[in-house]
């Protein structure tokens, strides 16, 4: 019998530090695919913004992903106890609803490679949430890693903006998105692990997909852009690829990987994503200086130290 909501323990995040089993070959293959797909998402967002506003890109990405996953919604809903629906709702809003808008808004100003690098803070926030709200015990190098990672992010935002802050504040949108991803991974691993990946993705997108469709048709100028903008259909094609491959299919794979391994192992996809986003950014003519590598190195070092665990480290 499913547990009632008030019986669900709140100290669930420590469980994310250990997976169900050691990652196997299919898990590593899935991880590499996610690195390539999600590492390319930032350049796709950039190309989508050529013709559409950030809110239109976010809404279209969600709506198209929902349409792709909709054939599984009815069957999936029948499998879910009523007391679990709230977690699907939260997963939909936090993990799949907010990030597309946050990334698109950020990339109206910052470069795509920078968005990819800042997204690598996700594992850091996975730990931070546990420490601040769920009683995870940490060691000094974990705390030091948090400070190093945040320092690297601030430094990268500063130097990429010519030594000041100015428009670099738009990087905060990406940081907020990374926090959303960290929360969502905790939800999936600890409250939704009894459901298969397709059920999690399709129902989560059901809650946000319907409002997004309504917004696309009633609150945006998408049809006018497609009719009058000479690059409208090209930008729309980028959104379709982003939604179908980078969101719908990738989220199913992502959820599958979390269930098979751990949220922490899955979050390490963000270590390699910056490499892909940087390569795409350079190929697209974005300015990239060698000094950026120092700050990127600090970010990734901080994330590694923040999530480094010793065998005898136990959660509270």
Protein backbone atom coordinates (compact mmCIF):
# COMPACT_ATOMS: atom_id res chain seq x y z
CA UNK A 1 0.00 0.00 0.00
CA UNK A 2 1.41 3.43 -0.91
CA UNK A 3 2.59 5.57 1.97
CA UNK A 4 0.53 8.60 2.83
CA UNK A 5 2.13 11.97 2.19
CA UNK A 6 2.55 12.71 5.87
CA UNK A 7 4.42 9.43 6.28
CA UNK A 8 7.08 10.19 3.66
CA UNK A 9 10.39 10.83 5.46
CA UNK A 10 11.96 14.21 4.89
CA UNK A 11 15.55 13.01 5.22
CA UNK A 12 15.54 11.41 1.79
CA UNK A 13 18.41 13.28 0.15
CA UNK A 14 21.19 11.27 1.81
CA UNK A 15 20.03 8.32 -0.29
CA UNK A 16 21.09 10.08 -3.46
CA UNK A 17 24.72 9.76 -2.47
CA UNK A 18 24.66 6.03 -3.10
CA UNK A 19 23.15 4.42 -6.17
CA UNK A 20 21.19 1.20 -6.45
CA UNK A 21 24.20 -0.47 -8.07
CA UNK A 22 27.52 0.26 -9.68
CA UNK A 23 27.05 1.88 -13.12
CA UNK A 24 27.25 -0.66 -15.92
CA UNK A 25 28.11 -0.27 -19.61
CA UNK A 26 24.55 0.75 -20.67
CA UNK A 27 24.56 3.39 -17.95
CA UNK A 28 27.81 4.91 -19.20
CA UNK A 29 26.54 4.85 -22.79
CA UNK A 30 23.37 6.66 -21.70
CA UNK A 31 25.49 9.19 -19.80
CA UNK A 32 27.60 9.95 -22.88
CA UNK A 33 24.49 10.36 -25.03
CA UNK A 34 23.04 12.81 -22.49
CA UNK A 35 26.32 14.75 -22.48
CA UNK A 36 26.20 15.14 -26.26
CA UNK A 37 22.49 15.94 -26.40
CA UNK A 38 22.29 18.35 -23.48
CA UNK A 39 25.66 19.87 -24.27
CA UNK A 40 24.18 20.83 -27.64
CA UNK A 41 20.98 22.25 -26.14
CA UNK A 42 22.47 25.66 -25.48
CA UNK A 43 23.38 26.34 -29.08
CA UNK A 44 19.89 25.19 -30.11
CA UNK A 45 18.37 27.66 -27.67
CA UNK A 46 20.56 30.39 -29.12
CA UNK A 47 19.39 29.61 -32.66
CA UNK A 48 15.76 29.46 -31.53
CA UNK A 49 16.01 32.96 -30.07
CA UNK A 50 16.81 34.41 -33.50
CA UNK A 51 13.09 34.64 -34.29
CA UNK A 52 11.26 33.90 -31.04
CA UNK A 53 11.20 35.55 -27.62
CA UNK A 54 12.53 33.70 -24.59
CA UNK A 55 9.02 33.00 -23.30
CA UNK A 56 7.96 31.65 -26.70
CA UNK A 57 11.01 29.37 -26.87
CA UNK A 58 10.31 28.06 -23.36
CA UNK A 59 6.60 27.49 -23.99
CA UNK A 60 7.13 25.86 -27.39
CA UNK A 61 9.81 23.57 -26.00
CA UNK A 62 7.48 22.34 -23.26
CA UNK A 63 4.39 22.11 -25.49
CA UNK A 64 6.14 20.10 -28.23
CA UNK A 65 7.71 17.78 -25.64
CA UNK A 66 4.28 17.22 -24.13
CA UNK A 67 2.79 16.36 -27.53
CA UNK A 68 5.55 13.82 -28.13
CA UNK A 69 4.93 12.17 -24.75
CA UNK A 70 1.13 12.51 -24.71
CA UNK A 71 0.36 9.01 -26.13
CA UNK A 72 1.63 7.54 -22.85
CA UNK A 73 -0.21 9.90 -20.49
CA UNK A 74 -3.54 8.08 -20.06
CA UNK A 75 -1.94 4.68 -19.51
CA UNK A 76 0.60 6.19 -17.13
CA UNK A 77 -1.95 8.09 -15.05
CA UNK A 78 -3.82 4.87 -14.30
CA UNK A 79 -0.75 3.46 -12.59
CA UNK A 80 -0.27 6.34 -10.16
CA UNK A 81 -1.76 6.45 -6.64
CA UNK A 82 -3.46 9.74 -5.86
CA UNK A 83 -1.03 10.54 -3.06
CA UNK A 84 1.88 10.40 -5.53
CA UNK A 85 0.46 12.89 -8.02
CA UNK A 86 1.80 15.85 -6.05
CA UNK A 87 5.36 14.66 -6.71
CA UNK A 88 4.70 14.39 -10.44
CA UNK A 89 3.28 17.91 -10.33
CA UNK A 90 6.36 19.21 -8.51
CA UNK A 91 8.67 17.36 -10.90
CA UNK A 92 6.81 18.84 -13.85
CA UNK A 93 6.92 22.41 -12.60
CA UNK A 94 10.37 22.49 -11.01
CA UNK A 95 12.35 20.09 -13.18
CA UNK A 96 10.71 20.54 -16.56
CA UNK A 97 8.59 23.70 -16.47
CA UNK A 98 10.85 26.43 -15.10
CA UNK A 99 14.29 25.58 -16.64
CA UNK A 100 13.29 26.04 -20.33
CA UNK A 101 12.15 29.59 -19.58
CA UNK A 102 15.16 30.35 -17.36
CA UNK A 103 17.72 29.14 -19.91
CA UNK A 104 16.05 30.99 -22.78
CA UNK A 105 15.87 34.21 -20.76
CA UNK A 106 19.54 33.92 -19.78
CA UNK A 107 20.66 33.34 -23.36
CA UNK A 108 19.04 36.51 -24.61
CA UNK A 109 22.19 38.09 -23.14
CA UNK A 110 24.90 35.58 -22.20
CA UNK A 111 26.72 33.23 -24.60
CA UNK A 112 25.59 29.66 -25.02
CA UNK A 113 28.89 28.21 -23.75
CA UNK A 114 28.54 30.22 -20.53
CA UNK A 115 25.07 28.79 -19.94
CA UNK A 116 26.53 25.31 -20.39
CA UNK A 117 29.31 25.94 -17.88
CA UNK A 118 27.00 27.41 -15.24
CA UNK A 119 24.66 24.46 -15.62
CA UNK A 120 27.50 22.28 -14.34
CA UNK A 121 26.75 23.62 -10.86
CA UNK A 122 23.81 21.20 -10.62
CA UNK A 123 25.66 18.52 -8.58
CA UNK A 124 26.87 21.24 -6.22
CA UNK A 125 23.31 22.30 -5.51
CA UNK A 126 22.30 18.67 -5.11
CA UNK A 127 24.59 18.53 -2.10
CA UNK A 128 23.71 22.01 -0.83
CA UNK A 129 20.02 21.16 -0.62
CA UNK A 130 20.82 18.13 1.47
CA UNK A 131 23.03 20.08 3.85
CA UNK A 132 20.67 23.02 4.30
CA UNK A 133 17.36 21.19 4.54
CA UNK A 134 17.87 17.48 5.08
CA UNK A 135 20.71 17.05 7.55
CA UNK A 136 23.47 15.62 5.37
CA UNK A 137 26.81 15.54 7.17
CA UNK A 138 29.66 16.99 5.18
CA UNK A 139 33.41 17.22 5.48
CA UNK A 140 35.58 20.28 5.18
CA UNK A 141 36.47 19.57 1.54
CA UNK A 142 32.76 19.47 0.64
CA UNK A 143 32.25 22.94 2.08
CA UNK A 144 35.46 24.11 0.44
CA UNK A 145 34.22 22.72 -2.88
CA UNK A 146 31.00 24.72 -2.61
CA UNK A 147 33.00 27.92 -2.07
CA UNK A 148 35.41 27.11 -4.91
CA UNK A 149 32.59 26.30 -7.34
CA UNK A 150 30.63 29.43 -6.56
CA UNK A 151 33.81 31.50 -6.72
CA UNK A 152 34.60 30.07 -10.13
CA UNK A 153 31.10 30.86 -11.36
CA UNK A 154 31.30 34.45 -10.13
CA UNK A 155 34.75 34.86 -11.67
CA UNK A 156 33.64 33.46 -15.01
CA UNK A 157 30.59 35.72 -15.11
CA UNK A 158 32.79 38.72 -14.29
CA UNK A 159 35.58 38.15 -16.81
CA UNK A 160 33.16 37.17 -19.57
CA UNK A 161 31.50 40.53 -19.07
CA UNK A 162 34.71 42.52 -19.43
CA UNK A 163 35.58 42.71 -15.74
CA UNK A 164 32.22 43.96 -14.48
CA UNK A 165 28.85 42.51 -13.67
CA UNK A 166 26.34 44.32 -15.91
CA UNK A 167 24.57 41.77 -18.08
CA UNK A 168 26.39 38.94 -16.31
CA UNK A 169 23.53 38.97 -13.84
CA UNK A 170 21.61 37.04 -16.48
CA UNK A 171 23.76 34.08 -15.50
CA UNK A 172 21.66 33.87 -12.35
CA UNK A 173 18.82 32.52 -14.47
CA UNK A 174 21.00 29.51 -15.32
CA UNK A 175 21.98 29.08 -11.68
CA UNK A 176 18.30 29.05 -10.69
CA UNK A 177 17.69 26.43 -13.40
CA UNK A 178 20.52 24.30 -11.97
CA UNK A 179 18.86 24.48 -8.55
CA UNK A 180 15.60 23.34 -10.14
CA UNK A 181 17.36 20.35 -11.71
CA UNK A 182 18.93 19.42 -8.37
CA UNK A 183 15.54 19.45 -6.63
CA UNK A 184 13.98 17.41 -9.41
CA UNK A 185 16.63 14.69 -9.27
CA UNK A 186 16.00 14.34 -5.55
CA UNK A 187 12.26 14.05 -6.13
CA UNK A 188 12.62 11.39 -8.81
CA UNK A 189 15.16 9.27 -6.95
CA UNK A 190 13.40 9.32 -3.61
CA UNK A 191 9.68 9.66 -4.32
CA UNK A 192 9.15 8.38 -7.86
CA UNK A 193 11.61 5.51 -8.14
CA UNK A 194 8.74 2.99 -8.19
CA UNK A 195 7.64 4.24 -11.61
CA UNK A 196 9.25 3.68 -14.99
CA UNK A 197 11.00 6.48 -16.86
CA UNK A 198 8.23 6.98 -19.42
CA UNK A 199 5.58 7.30 -16.72
CA UNK A 200 7.60 9.92 -14.86
CA UNK A 201 8.30 11.99 -17.97
CA UNK A 202 4.86 11.78 -19.58
CA UNK A 203 2.87 12.62 -16.44
CA UNK A 204 5.26 15.37 -15.36
CA UNK A 205 4.91 16.98 -18.80
CA UNK A 206 1.14 16.52 -18.71
CA UNK A 207 0.88 18.97 -15.81
CA UNK A 208 2.91 21.65 -17.58
CA UNK A 209 2.21 20.78 -21.22
CA UNK A 210 -1.46 21.71 -21.29
CA UNK A 211 -0.92 25.23 -19.84
CA UNK A 212 2.01 25.71 -22.24
CA UNK A 213 -0.13 24.79 -25.25
CA UNK A 214 -2.79 27.26 -24.15
CA UNK A 215 -0.15 29.96 -23.74
CA UNK A 216 1.40 29.26 -27.15
CA UNK A 217 -1.90 29.70 -28.98
CA UNK A 218 -3.49 32.40 -26.80
CA UNK A 219 -0.61 34.42 -25.42
CA UNK A 220 2.12 34.51 -28.07
CA UNK A 221 2.72 35.62 -31.66
CA UNK A 222 4.17 32.29 -32.79
CA UNK A 223 1.92 31.94 -35.83
CA UNK A 224 2.71 35.50 -36.93
CA UNK A 225 6.44 34.85 -36.58
CA UNK A 226 6.18 31.74 -38.73
CA UNK A 227 4.19 33.67 -41.33
CA UNK A 228 6.27 36.84 -41.58
CA UNK A 229 9.79 36.20 -40.24
CA UNK A 230 12.10 34.87 -43.00
CA UNK A 231 13.99 32.80 -40.42
CA UNK A 232 10.91 31.83 -38.42
CA UNK A 233 10.65 28.26 -39.66
CA UNK A 234 14.39 27.73 -39.22
CA UNK A 235 14.20 28.83 -35.59
CA UNK A 236 11.11 26.68 -35.12
CA UNK A 237 13.01 23.66 -36.45
CA UNK A 238 15.70 24.22 -33.81
CA UNK A 239 13.01 24.30 -31.12
CA UNK A 240 11.53 21.05 -32.42
CA UNK A 241 14.92 19.32 -32.22
CA UNK A 242 15.47 20.82 -28.79
CA UNK A 243 12.06 19.65 -27.59
CA UNK A 244 11.93 16.17 -29.14
CA UNK A 245 15.56 15.09 -28.68
CA UNK A 246 16.90 17.43 -26.00
CA UNK A 247 13.84 17.36 -23.75
CA UNK A 248 11.32 14.55 -24.34
CA UNK A 249 13.66 11.70 -25.30
CA UNK A 250 16.53 12.92 -23.11
CA UNK A 251 14.30 13.27 -20.03
CA UNK A 252 13.07 9.69 -20.41
CA UNK A 253 16.67 8.52 -20.65
CA UNK A 254 17.62 10.77 -17.73
CA UNK A 255 14.86 9.37 -15.51
CA UNK A 256 15.80 5.82 -16.52
CA UNK A 257 19.42 6.50 -15.56
CA UNK A 258 18.50 7.95 -12.16
CA UNK A 259 16.44 4.86 -11.35
CA UNK A 260 19.25 2.49 -12.39
CA UNK A 261 22.11 4.32 -10.68
CA UNK A 262 21.83 7.42 -8.52
CA UNK A 263 20.90 11.07 -8.82
CA UNK A 264 24.51 11.99 -8.10
CA UNK A 265 25.93 9.74 -10.84
CA UNK A 266 23.37 11.11 -13.30
CA UNK A 267 24.17 14.69 -12.34
CA UNK A 268 27.80 14.15 -13.37
CA UNK A 269 26.64 14.58 -16.95
CA UNK A 270 27.17 18.25 -16.20
CA UNK A 271 30.94 17.75 -15.85
CA UNK A 272 31.31 17.09 -19.58
CA UNK A 273 28.43 19.17 -20.94
CA UNK A 274 30.51 22.40 -20.78
CA UNK A 275 33.03 20.87 -23.20
CA UNK A 276 30.29 20.33 -25.79
CA UNK A 277 28.70 23.73 -25.22
CA UNK A 278 32.08 25.48 -25.47
CA UNK A 279 32.92 23.71 -28.73
CA UNK A 280 29.54 24.69 -30.21
CA UNK A 281 29.99 28.26 -29.01
CA UNK A 282 33.44 28.58 -30.59
CA UNK A 283 32.14 27.05 -33.82
CA UNK A 284 29.38 29.66 -33.83
CA UNK A 285 31.84 32.53 -33.39
CA UNK A 286 31.39 33.21 -29.68
CA UNK A 287 34.29 34.95 -27.98
CA UNK A 288 36.29 32.55 -25.83
CA UNK A 289 39.51 33.56 -24.08
CA UNK A 290 42.06 31.22 -22.54
CA UNK A 291 41.58 32.90 -19.15
CA UNK A 292 38.07 31.48 -19.10
CA UNK A 293 39.58 28.01 -18.73
CA UNK A 294 40.91 28.94 -15.29
CA UNK A 295 37.47 29.90 -14.00
CA UNK A 296 35.82 26.91 -15.70
CA UNK A 297 38.41 24.71 -14.02
CA UNK A 298 37.51 26.23 -10.65
CA UNK A 299 33.82 25.55 -11.24
CA UNK A 300 34.39 21.89 -12.11
CA UNK A 301 36.93 21.41 -9.30
CA UNK A 302 34.47 22.89 -6.84
CA UNK A 303 31.68 20.62 -8.05
CA UNK A 304 33.97 17.60 -7.71
CA UNK A 305 35.07 18.47 -4.17
CA UNK A 306 31.55 19.37 -3.07
CA UNK A 307 30.29 15.92 -4.07
CA UNK A 308 33.34 13.88 -3.05
CA UNK A 309 32.36 11.29 -0.47
CA UNK A 310 34.41 8.99 1.71
CA UNK A 311 33.38 5.44 2.34
CA UNK A 312 32.93 6.08 6.04
CA UNK A 313 30.92 9.26 5.59
CA UNK A 314 27.36 8.67 6.78
CA UNK A 315 24.33 10.86 6.48
CA UNK A 316 22.65 12.12 9.60
